[in-house]
Amino acid sequence: MRFNPILPILFIFILSASSSFANSWPRTISDTTSVDSTKTDSIKEDSQDMLMMWSKKNSVGVNMNEVAFVNWNAGGNNSISALFYGNFERKFQKNLLLWKTNATIRYGINAQDGRKVRKTDDEISLNSTYGYRRDSTSNFRYSAKFNFKTQFANGYKYPQRDKSISSFMAPGYVFLGVGAEYSAPKEDLTVYLSPLTDKSTFVLDQRLADEGMFGVTPAVRDSIGNIITRGENVRTEVGILVTNNFSKEVFTNVNLENQVSFYTDYLNKFGNIDVDWELKLNLVVNEFVKANIGSHLIYDDDVKFKEDTNDDGTLETLGPKIQFKQLLGVGVMYEF
């Protein structure tokens, strides 16, 4: 499982830039030979007001699961699983403007006796929304939204490890669009509708691009399978995007989070909807110990699945399927 070191550098750069901008704007240079106390006090107040316009929320944690046996008559395999994750949020709000950015990273592994380490989770995502509303009483904003998603390391159809079925930026998804966003005044609820969103799918692994994975145009081959023209590395679509985010404390120390998005392309099978739905239930044990239950459902008509249907060791490309992931974890989380 090959780990790509570029992404940690990218995330550190993005978050550092955001923090530096928040902490350093505005900067003033004053003449030390003559000081106007009225002007100095005004500058200090403006600086404090600007800092108050920025808010941040960070959390990092790990969920663990371990089973060990010593002379256990019923049998079993020793195993250990770990899921490392981080969530980072920056928000700037001034008058009628709102700029909110979220970054999420996740990486999970599982190790068992007699078996190589396997990847269990892998996600990199960055979301940024910039909105403007006409007046302070309106719940609607004109908004522009950017979303980026990919993974750190190669993915495999275990136990097969000879050829990866995904990797860093294969696929990589970028959504960029404009629309309107509604924010509920009393609930943590937002609904975003964009009639014009560009979706770009990147497949930078040339072997996967030649196979036409994730919807890109495959390579052109001659009658004996030799490649005449390489497969394309980027697929671009323009369509409609609808997203919904909702969070609420349903019971004491029990928080519900729901995120769902729907996308359809105008030109390619209009009405064929891509779905990305994530539901989480977060339980707070104490300041550091957290538990969470969640599910993640994805359907994308461009994602074709591979399976060895005739036991010859070769993975055949099949059609799209519903992707579903269920999570249950207990671990330690630090917020700052």
C-alpha atoms as a PDB file:
ATOM      1  CA  MET A   1       0.000   0.000   0.000  1.00  0.00           C
ATOM      2  CA  ARG A   2       1.870   3.072  -1.295  1.00  0.00           C
ATOM      3  CA  PHE A   3       1.462   6.275   0.753  1.00  0.00           C
ATOM      4  CA  ASN A   4       1.640   9.603  -1.042  1.00  0.00           C
ATOM      5  CA  PRO A   5       3.425  12.323   0.987  1.00  0.00           C
ATOM      6  CA  ILE A   6       2.141  15.261  -1.067  1.00  0.00           C
ATOM      7  CA  LEU A   7      -1.234  15.584   0.661  1.00  0.00           C
ATOM      8  CA  PRO A   8      -0.046  16.246   4.226  1.00  0.00           C
ATOM      9  CA  ILE A   9       2.073  19.106   2.824  1.00  0.00           C
ATOM     10  CA  LEU A  10      -0.943  20.444   0.897  1.00  0.00           C
ATOM     11  CA  PHE A  11      -3.203  20.414   3.960  1.00  0.00           C
ATOM     12  CA  ILE A  12      -0.561  22.003   6.189  1.00  0.00           C
ATOM     13  CA  PHE A  13      -0.147  24.762   3.590  1.00  0.00           C
ATOM     14  CA  ILE A  14      -3.898  25.432   3.302  1.00  0.00           C
ATOM     15  CA  LEU A  15      -4.496  25.527   7.047  1.00  0.00           C
ATOM     16  CA  SER A  16      -1.357  27.555   7.747  1.00  0.00           C
ATOM     17  CA  ALA A  17      -2.318  30.087   5.095  1.00  0.00           C
ATOM     18  CA  SER A  18      -5.814  30.391   6.540  1.00  0.00           C
ATOM     19  CA  SER A  19      -4.513  30.815  10.101  1.00  0.00           C
ATOM     20  CA  SER A  20      -1.836  33.270   9.072  1.00  0.00           C
ATOM     21  CA  PHE A  21      -4.381  35.355   7.170  1.00  0.00           C
ATOM     22  CA  ALA A  22      -6.727  35.351  10.161  1.00  0.00           C
ATOM     23  CA  ASN A  23      -4.018  36.259  12.674  1.00  0.00           C
ATOM     24  CA  SER A  24      -2.154  38.860  10.640  1.00  0.00           C
ATOM     25  CA  TRP A  25      -4.854  40.931   8.948  1.00  0.00           C
ATOM     26  CA  PRO A  26      -4.701  43.866   9.304  1.00  0.00           C
ATOM     27  CA  ARG A  27      -1.101  44.827  10.183  1.00  0.00           C
ATOM     28  CA  THR A  28      -0.160  48.415  10.840  1.00  0.00           C
ATOM     29  CA  ILE A  29       3.179  50.228  10.912  1.00  0.00           C
ATOM     30  CA  SER A  30       3.324  53.198  13.234  1.00  0.00           C
ATOM     31  CA  ASP A  31       5.859  55.987  13.547  1.00  0.00           C
ATOM     32  CA  THR A  32       7.676  55.495  16.845  1.00  0.00           C
ATOM     33  CA  THR A  33       8.803  59.132  16.993  1.00  0.00           C
ATOM     34  CA  SER A  34       5.282  60.520  17.360  1.00  0.00           C
ATOM     35  CA  VAL A  35       2.272  58.576  18.539  1.00  0.00           C
ATOM     36  CA  ASP A  36      -1.324  59.660  18.144  1.00  0.00           C
ATOM     37  CA  SER A  37      -3.065  57.874  21.023  1.00  0.00           C
ATOM     38  CA  THR A  38      -6.530  58.314  19.494  1.00  0.00           C
ATOM     39  CA  LYS A  39      -5.453  56.741  16.203  1.00  0.00           C
ATOM     40  CA  THR A  40      -3.595  53.941  18.018  1.00  0.00           C
ATOM     41  CA  ASP A  41      -6.661  53.053  20.097  1.00  0.00           C
ATOM     42  CA  SER A  42      -8.787  53.011  16.943  1.00  0.00           C
ATOM     43  CA  ILE A  43      -6.351  50.680  15.181  1.00  0.00           C
ATOM     44  CA  LYS A  44      -6.336  48.320  18.165  1.00  0.00           C
ATOM     45  CA  GLU A  45     -10.122  48.197  18.183  1.00  0.00           C
ATOM     46  CA  ASP A  46     -10.235  47.520  14.430  1.00  0.00           C
ATOM     47  CA  SER A  47      -7.679  44.731  14.814  1.00  0.00           C
ATOM     48  CA  GLN A  48      -9.647  43.145  17.646  1.00  0.00           C
ATOM     49  CA  ASP A  49     -12.861  43.375  15.613  1.00  0.00           C
ATOM     50  CA  MET A  50     -11.159  41.733  12.621  1.00  0.00           C
ATOM     51  CA  LEU A  51      -9.839  38.890  14.770  1.00  0.00           C
ATOM     52  CA  MET A  52     -13.325  38.346  16.188  1.00  0.00           C
ATOM     53  CA  MET A  53     -14.619  37.911  12.634  1.00  0.00           C
ATOM     54  CA  TRP A  54     -12.467  34.794  12.259  1.00  0.00           C
ATOM     55  CA  SER A  55     -13.327  31.591  14.096  1.00  0.00           C
ATOM     56  CA  LYS A  56     -11.698  28.196  13.971  1.00  0.00           C
ATOM     57  CA  LYS A  57     -12.388  24.675  15.153  1.00  0.00           C
ATOM     58  CA  ASN A  58      -9.908  21.803  14.995  1.00  0.00           C
ATOM     59  CA  SER A  59     -10.066  18.195  16.133  1.00  0.00           C
ATOM     60  CA  VAL A  60      -7.752  15.219  15.744  1.00  0.00           C
ATOM     61  CA  GLY A  61      -8.277  11.719  17.071  1.00  0.00           C
ATOM     62  CA  VAL A  62      -7.865   7.995  16.751  1.00  0.00           C
ATOM     63  CA  ASN A  63     -10.328   5.113  17.122  1.00  0.00           C
ATOM     64  CA  MET A  64      -8.870   1.766  18.176  1.00  0.00           C
ATOM     65  CA  ASN A  65     -10.046  -1.839  18.195  1.00  0.00           C
ATOM     66  CA  GLU A  66      -7.838  -4.686  19.456  1.00  0.00           C
ATOM     67  CA  VAL A  67      -8.319  -8.421  20.053  1.00  0.00           C
ATOM     68  CA  ALA A  68      -5.576 -10.690  21.477  1.00  0.00           C
ATOM     69  CA  PHE A  69      -5.642 -14.400  22.331  1.00  0.00           C
ATOM     70  CA  VAL A  70      -3.292 -16.466  24.515  1.00  0.00           C
ATOM     71  CA  ASN A  71      -3.954 -20.223  24.640  1.00  0.00           C
ATOM     72  CA  TRP A  72      -7.583 -19.488  23.815  1.00  0.00           C
ATOM     73  CA  ASN A  73      -9.358 -22.817  23.380  1.00  0.00           C
ATOM     74  CA  ALA A  74     -12.138 -21.437  21.184  1.00  0.00           C
ATOM     75  CA  GLY A  75      -9.548 -20.096  18.722  1.00  0.00           C
ATOM     76  CA  GLY A  76      -9.274 -16.769  16.954  1.00  0.00           C
ATOM     77  CA  ASN A  77      -6.794 -14.407  15.306  1.00  0.00           C
ATOM     78  CA  ASN A  78      -5.019 -11.549  17.020  1.00  0.00           C
ATOM     79  CA  SER A  79      -5.958  -8.295  15.326  1.00  0.00           C
ATOM     80  CA  ILE A  80      -5.671  -4.549  15.765  1.00  0.00           C
ATOM     81  CA  SER A  81      -7.414  -1.747  13.891  1.00  0.00           C
ATOM     82  CA  ALA A  82      -6.836   1.984  14.010  1.00  0.00           C
ATOM     83  CA  LEU A  83      -8.577   4.909  12.362  1.00  0.00           C
ATOM     84  CA  PHE A  84      -6.759   8.257  12.414  1.00  0.00           C
ATOM     85  CA  TYR A  85      -8.728  11.362  11.543  1.00  0.00           C
ATOM     86  CA  GLY A  86      -8.651  15.125  11.631  1.00  0.00           C
ATOM     87  CA  ASN A  87     -11.267  17.824  11.063  1.00  0.00           C
ATOM     88  CA  PHE A  88     -10.370  21.497  10.570  1.00  0.00           C
ATOM     89  CA  GLU A  89     -12.719  24.447  10.139  1.00  0.00           C
ATOM     90  CA  ARG A  90     -12.131  28.120   9.406  1.00  0.00           C
ATOM     91  CA  LYS A  91     -14.946  30.688   9.230  1.00  0.00           C
ATOM     92  CA  PHE A  92     -14.863  34.382   8.369  1.00  0.00           C
ATOM     93  CA  GLN A  93     -17.967  36.480   8.882  1.00  0.00           C
ATOM     94  CA  LYS A  94     -18.256  40.217   8.343  1.00  0.00           C
ATOM     95  CA  ASN A  95     -21.477  42.127   7.872  1.00  0.00           C
ATOM     96  CA  LEU A  96     -23.284  40.349   5.024  1.00  0.00           C
ATOM     97  CA  LEU A  97     -20.369  38.095   3.982  1.00  0.00           C
ATOM     98  CA  LEU A  98     -19.666  34.543   5.127  1.00  0.00           C
ATOM     99  CA  TRP A  99     -16.712  32.385   4.089  1.00  0.00           C
ATOM    100  CA  LYS A 100     -16.513  28.882   5.562  1.00  0.00           C
ATOM    101  CA  THR A 101     -13.899  26.210   4.842  1.00  0.00           C
ATOM    102  CA  ASN A 102     -13.730  22.627   6.142  1.00  0.00           C
ATOM    103  CA  ALA A 103     -10.956  20.074   5.669  1.00  0.00           C
ATOM    104  CA  THR A 104     -11.193  16.394   6.631  1.00  0.00           C
ATOM    105  CA  ILE A 105      -8.594  13.646   6.553  1.00  0.00           C
ATOM    106  CA  ARG A 106      -9.118   9.974   7.481  1.00  0.00           C
ATOM    107  CA  TYR A 107      -6.868   6.928   7.262  1.00  0.00           C
ATOM    108  CA  GLY A 108      -7.594   3.492   8.727  1.00  0.00           C
ATOM    109  CA  ILE A 109      -5.591   0.250   8.836  1.00  0.00           C
ATOM    110  CA  ASN A 110      -6.164  -3.305  10.059  1.00  0.00           C
ATOM    111  CA  ALA A 111      -3.545  -5.908  10.959  1.00  0.00           C
ATOM    112  CA  GLN A 112      -4.168  -9.600  11.690  1.00  0.00           C
ATOM    113  CA  ASP A 113      -1.913 -12.573  12.402  1.00  0.00           C
ATOM    114  CA  GLY A 114      -0.735 -14.214   9.193  1.00  0.00           C
ATOM    115  CA  ARG A 115      -2.029 -11.426   6.931  1.00  0.00           C
ATOM    116  CA  LYS A 116      -0.529  -8.256   5.519  1.00  0.00           C
ATOM    117  CA  VAL A 117      -1.784  -4.897   6.739  1.00  0.00           C
ATOM    118  CA  ARG A 118      -4.890  -3.740   4.913  1.00  0.00           C
ATOM    119  CA  LYS A 119      -6.403  -0.305   4.450  1.00  0.00           C
ATOM    120  CA  THR A 120      -9.863   0.160   5.959  1.00  0.00           C
ATOM    121  CA  ASP A 121     -10.543   3.862   5.354  1.00  0.00           C
ATOM    122  CA  ASP A 122      -8.976   6.613   3.262  1.00  0.00           C
ATOM    123  CA  GLU A 123     -10.327  10.099   2.645  1.00  0.00           C
ATOM    124  CA  ILE A 124      -9.137  13.603   1.886  1.00  0.00           C
ATOM    125  CA  SER A 125     -11.751  16.299   1.425  1.00  0.00           C
ATOM    126  CA  LEU A 126     -11.798  20.082   1.296  1.00  0.00           C
ATOM    127  CA  ASN A 127     -15.002  22.167   1.171  1.00  0.00           C
ATOM    128  CA  SER A 128     -15.220  25.928   0.886  1.00  0.00           C
ATOM    129  CA  THR A 129     -18.327  28.118   0.586  1.00  0.00           C
ATOM    130  CA  TYR A 130     -18.417  31.891   0.066  1.00  0.00           C
ATOM    131  CA  GLY A 131     -21.788  33.588   0.505  1.00  0.00           C
ATOM    132  CA  TYR A 132     -23.366  37.049   0.430  1.00  0.00           C
ATOM    133  CA  ARG A 133     -26.864  38.056   1.536  1.00  0.00           C
ATOM    134  CA  ARG A 134     -28.772  41.230   0.757  1.00  0.00           C
ATOM    135  CA  ASP A 135     -29.601  42.209   4.339  1.00  0.00           C
ATOM    136  CA  SER A 136     -29.069  40.977   7.886  1.00  0.00           C
ATOM    137  CA  THR A 137     -32.581  39.475   8.173  1.00  0.00           C
ATOM    138  CA  SER A 138     -32.390  37.263   5.069  1.00  0.00           C
ATOM    139  CA  ASN A 139     -31.830  33.524   5.429  1.00  0.00           C
ATOM    140  CA  PHE A 140     -30.695  33.187   1.800  1.00  0.00           C
ATOM    141  CA  ARG A 141     -27.219  33.828   0.437  1.00  0.00           C
ATOM    142  CA  TYR A 142     -25.827  34.014  -3.062  1.00  0.00           C
ATOM    143  CA  SER A 143     -23.066  31.444  -2.818  1.00  0.00           C
ATOM    144  CA  ALA A 144     -20.103  29.940  -4.593  1.00  0.00           C
ATOM    145  CA  LYS A 145     -18.990  26.469  -3.529  1.00  0.00           C
ATOM    146  CA  PHE A 146     -15.769  24.514  -4.037  1.00  0.00           C
ATOM    147  CA  ASN A 147     -15.307  20.845  -3.150  1.00  0.00           C
ATOM    148  CA  PHE A 148     -12.282  18.587  -3.550  1.00  0.00           C
ATOM    149  CA  LYS A 149     -12.059  14.894  -2.664  1.00  0.00           C
ATOM    150  CA  THR A 150      -9.508  12.109  -3.159  1.00  0.00           C
ATOM    151  CA  GLN A 151      -7.493   9.563  -1.118  1.00  0.00           C
ATOM    152  CA  PHE A 152      -3.970   9.081   0.247  1.00  0.00           C
ATOM    153  CA  ALA A 153      -2.899   5.598  -0.832  1.00  0.00           C
ATOM    154  CA  ASN A 154      -3.551   2.821  -3.333  1.00  0.00           C
ATOM    155  CA  GLY A 155      -6.753   0.803  -2.950  1.00  0.00           C
ATOM    156  CA  TYR A 156      -6.953  -2.916  -3.714  1.00  0.00           C
ATOM    157  CA  LYS A 157      -9.579  -5.601  -4.173  1.00  0.00           C
ATOM    158  CA  TYR A 158      -8.243  -7.719  -1.306  1.00  0.00           C
ATOM    159  CA  PRO A 159      -6.641 -10.233  -1.192  1.00  0.00           C
ATOM    160  CA  GLN A 160      -5.432  -9.279  -4.696  1.00  0.00           C
ATOM    161  CA  ARG A 161      -2.538  -6.774  -4.442  1.00  0.00           C
ATOM    162  CA  ASP A 162      -0.912  -6.908  -7.888  1.00  0.00           C
ATOM    163  CA  LYS A 163      -2.916  -4.060  -9.381  1.00  0.00           C
ATOM    164  CA  SER A 164      -4.548  -1.185  -7.573  1.00  0.00           C
ATOM    165  CA  ILE A 165      -8.155  -0.282  -8.296  1.00  0.00           C
ATOM    166  CA  SER A 166      -7.706   3.320  -7.072  1.00  0.00           C
ATOM    167  CA  SER A 167      -4.937   5.650  -5.904  1.00  0.00           C
ATOM    168  CA  PHE A 168      -4.156   9.274  -5.095  1.00  0.00           C
ATOM    169  CA  MET A 169      -6.040  11.449  -7.625  1.00  0.00           C
ATOM    170  CA  ALA A 170      -7.425   8.315  -9.262  1.00  0.00           C
ATOM    171  CA  PRO A 171     -10.082   9.275  -8.743  1.00  0.00           C
ATOM    172  CA  GLY A 172      -9.955  12.883  -7.644  1.00  0.00           C
ATOM    173  CA  TYR A 173     -13.139  14.954  -7.739  1.00  0.00           C
ATOM    174  CA  VAL A 174     -13.481  18.733  -7.982  1.00  0.00           C
ATOM    175  CA  PHE A 175     -16.840  20.525  -7.837  1.00  0.00           C
ATOM    176  CA  LEU A 176     -17.040  24.267  -8.528  1.00  0.00           C
ATOM    177  CA  GLY A 177     -20.332  26.077  -8.859  1.00  0.00           C
ATOM    178  CA  VAL A 178     -22.565  29.040  -8.037  1.00  0.00           C
ATOM    179  CA  GLY A 179     -26.047  29.082  -6.586  1.00  0.00           C
ATOM    180  CA  ALA A 180     -28.060  29.959  -3.496  1.00  0.00           C
ATOM    181  CA  GLU A 181     -27.866  28.680   0.067  1.00  0.00           C
ATOM    182  CA  TYR A 182     -30.553  28.691   2.745  1.00  0.00           C
ATOM    183  CA  SER A 183     -29.598  28.727   6.429  1.00  0.00           C
ATOM    184  CA  ALA A 184     -32.289  28.003   9.010  1.00  0.00           C
ATOM    185  CA  PRO A 185     -32.432  30.740  11.667  1.00  0.00           C
ATOM    186  CA  LYS A 186     -32.988  28.406  14.640  1.00  0.00           C
ATOM    187  CA  GLU A 187     -31.534  25.089  13.459  1.00  0.00           C
ATOM    188  CA  ASP A 188     -28.072  24.107  12.273  1.00  0.00           C
ATOM    189  CA  LEU A 189     -29.461  23.417   8.804  1.00  0.00           C
ATOM    190  CA  THR A 190     -28.218  24.533   5.393  1.00  0.00           C
ATOM    191  CA  VAL A 191     -29.566  23.709   1.938  1.00  0.00           C
ATOM    192  CA  TYR A 192     -27.559  24.624  -1.160  1.00  0.00           C
ATOM    193  CA  LEU A 193     -28.875  24.618  -4.740  1.00  0.00           C
ATOM    194  CA  SER A 194     -26.637  25.227  -7.714  1.00  0.00           C
ATOM    195  CA  PRO A 195     -28.050  25.162 -11.273  1.00  0.00           C
ATOM    196  CA  LEU A 196     -24.513  25.517 -12.650  1.00  0.00           C
ATOM    197  CA  THR A 197     -21.790  23.292 -11.194  1.00  0.00           C
ATOM    198  CA  ASP A 198     -18.705  21.998 -12.940  1.00  0.00           C
ATOM    199  CA  LYS A 199     -17.652  18.477 -11.926  1.00  0.00           C
ATOM    200  CA  SER A 200     -14.160  17.375 -12.915  1.00  0.00           C
ATOM    201  CA  THR A 201     -13.051  13.774 -12.416  1.00  0.00           C
ATOM    202  CA  PHE A 202      -9.287  13.209 -12.434  1.00  0.00           C
ATOM    203  CA  VAL A 203      -7.703   9.814 -13.078  1.00  0.00           C
ATOM    204  CA  LEU A 204      -3.953  10.452 -12.979  1.00  0.00           C
ATOM    205  CA  ASP A 205      -3.049   6.751 -12.856  1.00  0.00           C
ATOM    206  CA  GLN A 206      -2.542   6.105 -16.566  1.00  0.00           C
ATOM    207  CA  ARG A 207      -3.293   2.372 -16.333  1.00  0.00           C
ATOM    208  CA  LEU A 208      -6.701   3.099 -14.778  1.00  0.00           C
ATOM    209  CA  ALA A 209      -7.290   5.892 -17.294  1.00  0.00           C
ATOM    210  CA  ASP A 210      -6.537   3.504 -20.166  1.00  0.00           C
ATOM    211  CA  GLU A 211      -9.145   1.129 -18.733  1.00  0.00           C
ATOM    212  CA  GLY A 212     -11.724   3.935 -18.697  1.00  0.00           C
ATOM    213  CA  MET A 213     -12.224   3.795 -14.936  1.00  0.00           C
ATOM    214  CA  PHE A 214     -14.376   6.392 -13.142  1.00  0.00           C
ATOM    215  CA  GLY A 215     -15.999   7.561 -16.372  1.00  0.00           C
ATOM    216  CA  VAL A 216     -12.984   8.901 -18.311  1.00  0.00           C
ATOM    217  CA  THR A 217     -12.597   8.057 -22.006  1.00  0.00           C
ATOM    218  CA  PRO A 218     -10.623   4.770 -22.266  1.00  0.00           C
ATOM    219  CA  ALA A 219      -7.633   4.091 -24.492  1.00  0.00           C
ATOM    220  CA  VAL A 220      -8.106   3.197 -28.141  1.00  0.00           C
ATOM    221  CA  ARG A 221      -6.595  -0.228 -28.915  1.00  0.00           C
ATOM    222  CA  ASP A 222      -5.947  -2.200 -32.061  1.00  0.00           C
ATOM    223  CA  SER A 223      -7.267  -5.694 -32.763  1.00  0.00           C
ATOM    224  CA  ILE A 224      -4.582  -7.382 -30.645  1.00  0.00           C
ATOM    225  CA  GLY A 225      -4.866  -5.012 -27.678  1.00  0.00           C
ATOM    226  CA  ASN A 226      -2.001  -2.584 -28.341  1.00  0.00           C
ATOM    227  CA  ILE A 227      -2.734   0.984 -27.289  1.00  0.00           C
ATOM    228  CA  ILE A 228      -3.051   3.442 -30.158  1.00  0.00           C
ATOM    229  CA  THR A 229      -4.285   6.442 -28.145  1.00  0.00           C
ATOM    230  CA  ARG A 230      -3.921   6.779 -24.395  1.00  0.00           C
ATOM    231  CA  GLY A 231      -6.981   7.150 -22.193  1.00  0.00           C
ATOM    232  CA  GLU A 232      -7.966  10.621 -21.035  1.00  0.00           C
ATOM    233  CA  ASN A 233      -7.023  11.696 -17.507  1.00  0.00           C
ATOM    234  CA  VAL A 234      -9.848  14.192 -16.935  1.00  0.00           C
ATOM    235  CA  ARG A 235     -13.603  14.039 -17.435  1.00  0.00           C
ATOM    236  CA  THR A 236     -15.599  17.275 -17.216  1.00  0.00           C
ATOM    237  CA  GLU A 237     -19.336  17.580 -16.617  1.00  0.00           C
ATOM    238  CA  VAL A 238     -21.715  20.494 -16.020  1.00  0.00           C
ATOM    239  CA  GLY A 239     -24.905  19.943 -14.064  1.00  0.00           C
ATOM    240  CA  ILE A 240     -27.119  20.596 -11.053  1.00  0.00           C
ATOM    241  CA  LEU A 241     -25.895  20.146  -7.469  1.00  0.00           C
ATOM    242  CA  VAL A 242     -28.089  20.025  -4.357  1.00  0.00           C
ATOM    243  CA  THR A 243     -26.586  19.583  -0.886  1.00  0.00           C
ATOM    244  CA  ASN A 244     -28.012  19.455   2.626  1.00  0.00           C
ATOM    245  CA  ASN A 245     -26.220  19.669   5.969  1.00  0.00           C
ATOM    246  CA  PHE A 246     -27.972  19.203   9.300  1.00  0.00           C
ATOM    247  CA  SER A 247     -26.717  18.739  12.859  1.00  0.00           C
ATOM    248  CA  LYS A 248     -28.567  18.634  16.164  1.00  0.00           C
ATOM    249  CA  GLU A 249     -28.089  17.486  19.745  1.00  0.00           C
ATOM    250  CA  VAL A 250     -30.882  14.900  19.882  1.00  0.00           C
ATOM    251  CA  PHE A 251     -30.112  13.876  23.478  1.00  0.00           C
ATOM    252  CA  THR A 252     -27.672  15.097  26.097  1.00  0.00           C
ATOM    253  CA  ASN A 253     -24.141  14.454  24.757  1.00  0.00           C
ATOM    254  CA  VAL A 254     -25.579  12.738  21.651  1.00  0.00           C
ATOM    255  CA  ASN A 255     -25.168  14.684  18.401  1.00  0.00           C
ATOM    256  CA  LEU A 256     -26.650  13.795  15.022  1.00  0.00           C
ATOM    257  CA  GLU A 257     -24.977  14.888  11.767  1.00  0.00           C
ATOM    258  CA  ASN A 258     -26.487  14.395   8.314  1.00  0.00           C
ATOM    259  CA  GLN A 259     -24.821  15.333   5.016  1.00  0.00           C
ATOM    260  CA  VAL A 260     -26.256  14.496   1.608  1.00  0.00           C
ATOM    261  CA  SER A 261     -25.583  15.672  -1.935  1.00  0.00           C
ATOM    262  CA  PHE A 262     -27.252  14.992  -5.294  1.00  0.00           C
ATOM    263  CA  TYR A 263     -25.705  15.723  -8.673  1.00  0.00           C
ATOM    264  CA  THR A 264     -26.893  15.183 -12.249  1.00  0.00           C
ATOM    265  CA  ASP A 265     -25.176  16.139 -15.500  1.00  0.00           C
ATOM    266  CA  TYR A 266     -27.064  18.176 -18.106  1.00  0.00           C
ATOM    267  CA  LEU A 267     -25.582  16.446 -21.150  1.00  0.00           C
ATOM    268  CA  ASN A 268     -24.678  12.925 -20.054  1.00  0.00           C
ATOM    269  CA  LYS A 269     -27.735  10.962 -18.926  1.00  0.00           C
ATOM    270  CA  PHE A 270     -29.633  13.891 -17.413  1.00  0.00           C
ATOM    271  CA  GLY A 271     -31.732  12.638 -14.486  1.00  0.00           C
ATOM    272  CA  ASN A 272     -29.224   9.916 -13.601  1.00  0.00           C
ATOM    273  CA  ILE A 273     -28.373  11.147 -10.089  1.00  0.00           C
ATOM    274  CA  ASP A 274     -25.101  10.675  -8.217  1.00  0.00           C
ATOM    275  CA  VAL A 275     -25.761  10.316  -4.478  1.00  0.00           C
ATOM    276  CA  ASP A 276     -23.386  10.885  -1.549  1.00  0.00           C
ATOM    277  CA  TRP A 277     -25.091  10.458   1.853  1.00  0.00           C
ATOM    278  CA  GLU A 278     -23.321  10.367   5.198  1.00  0.00           C
ATOM    279  CA  LEU A 279     -25.075   9.949   8.573  1.00  0.00           C
ATOM    280  CA  LYS A 280     -23.247  10.112  11.917  1.00  0.00           C
ATOM    281  CA  LEU A 281     -24.213   9.788  15.567  1.00  0.00           C
ATOM    282  CA  ASN A 282     -21.540  11.168  17.913  1.00  0.00           C
ATOM    283  CA  LEU A 283     -21.606  10.230  21.608  1.00  0.00           C
ATOM    284  CA  VAL A 284     -19.571  12.229  24.104  1.00  0.00           C
ATOM    285  CA  VAL A 285     -18.206  10.183  27.030  1.00  0.00           C
ATOM    286  CA  ASN A 286     -16.035  12.961  28.443  1.00  0.00           C
ATOM    287  CA  GLU A 287     -13.791  15.768  27.207  1.00  0.00           C
ATOM    288  CA  PHE A 288     -11.448  13.405  25.357  1.00  0.00           C
ATOM    289  CA  VAL A 289     -13.207  10.048  24.942  1.00  0.00           C
ATOM    290  CA  LYS A 290     -15.765   9.906  22.136  1.00  0.00           C
ATOM    291  CA  ALA A 291     -17.794   7.198  20.431  1.00  0.00           C
ATOM    292  CA  ASN A 292     -19.416   7.362  17.017  1.00  0.00           C
ATOM    293  CA  ILE A 293     -21.752   5.339  14.853  1.00  0.00           C
ATOM    294  CA  GLY A 294     -22.109   6.146  11.200  1.00  0.00           C
ATOM    295  CA  SER A 295     -22.970   5.070   7.687  1.00  0.00           C
ATOM    296  CA  HIS A 296     -21.876   6.297   4.264  1.00  0.00           C
ATOM    297  CA  LEU A 297     -23.747   5.531   1.040  1.00  0.00           C
ATOM    298  CA  ILE A 298     -22.456   6.445  -2.441  1.00  0.00           C
ATOM    299  CA  TYR A 299     -23.867   5.824  -5.882  1.00  0.00           C
ATOM    300  CA  ASP A 300     -22.015   7.056  -8.967  1.00  0.00           C
ATOM    301  CA  ASP A 301     -22.930   5.639 -12.360  1.00  0.00           C
ATOM    302  CA  ASP A 302     -19.389   6.323 -13.625  1.00  0.00           C
ATOM    303  CA  VAL A 303     -17.712   4.113 -10.996  1.00  0.00           C
ATOM    304  CA  LYS A 304     -17.496   0.609 -12.451  1.00  0.00           C
ATOM    305  CA  PHE A 305     -16.593  -2.257 -10.146  1.00  0.00           C
ATOM    306  CA  LYS A 306     -14.045  -4.994 -10.744  1.00  0.00           C
ATOM    307  CA  GLU A 307     -14.489  -8.628  -9.733  1.00  0.00           C
ATOM    308  CA  ASP A 308     -12.908 -11.976 -10.573  1.00  0.00           C
ATOM    309  CA  THR A 309     -15.993 -13.696 -11.930  1.00  0.00           C
ATOM    310  CA  ASN A 310     -14.348 -16.862 -13.332  1.00  0.00           C
ATOM    311  CA  ASP A 311     -11.566 -17.480 -10.761  1.00  0.00           C
ATOM    312  CA  ASP A 312      -8.764 -16.935 -13.275  1.00  0.00           C
ATOM    313  CA  GLY A 313      -7.012 -14.300 -11.169  1.00  0.00           C
ATOM    314  CA  THR A 314      -8.044 -11.475 -13.491  1.00  0.00           C
ATOM    315  CA  LEU A 315     -10.460  -8.761 -12.403  1.00  0.00           C
ATOM    316  CA  GLU A 316     -13.241  -8.111 -14.889  1.00  0.00           C
ATOM    317  CA  THR A 317     -14.854  -4.651 -15.074  1.00  0.00           C
ATOM    318  CA  LEU A 318     -18.546  -4.777 -14.176  1.00  0.00           C
ATOM    319  CA  GLY A 319     -21.250  -2.126 -13.886  1.00  0.00           C
ATOM    320  CA  PRO A 320     -21.939   0.455 -11.165  1.00  0.00           C
ATOM    321  CA  LYS A 321     -23.117  -0.626  -7.720  1.00  0.00           C
ATOM    322  CA  ILE A 322     -24.290   1.046  -4.523  1.00  0.00           C
ATOM    323  CA  GLN A 323     -21.321   1.628  -2.217  1.00  0.00           C
ATOM    324  CA  PHE A 324     -22.063   1.334   1.506  1.00  0.00           C
ATOM    325  CA  LYS A 325     -19.837   1.713   4.547  1.00  0.00           C
ATOM    326  CA  GLN A 326     -20.813   1.291   8.217  1.00  0.00           C
ATOM    327  CA  LEU A 327     -18.675   2.635  11.065  1.00  0.00           C
ATOM    328  CA  LEU A 328     -18.591   2.005  14.804  1.00  0.00           C
ATOM    329  CA  GLY A 329     -15.690   3.329  16.832  1.00  0.00           C
ATOM    330  CA  VAL A 330     -14.544   4.408  20.272  1.00  0.00           C
ATOM    331  CA  GLY A 331     -11.440   6.459  20.730  1.00  0.00           C
ATOM    332  CA  VAL A 332      -9.688   9.600  21.868  1.00  0.00           C
ATOM    333  CA  MET A 333     -10.232  13.018  20.313  1.00  0.00           C
ATOM    334  CA  TYR A 334      -8.525  16.320  21.059  1.00  0.00           C
ATOM    335  CA  GLU A 335     -10.151  19.611  20.134  1.00  0.00           C
ATOM    336  CA  PHE A 336      -8.272  22.899  19.860  1.00  0.00           C
END
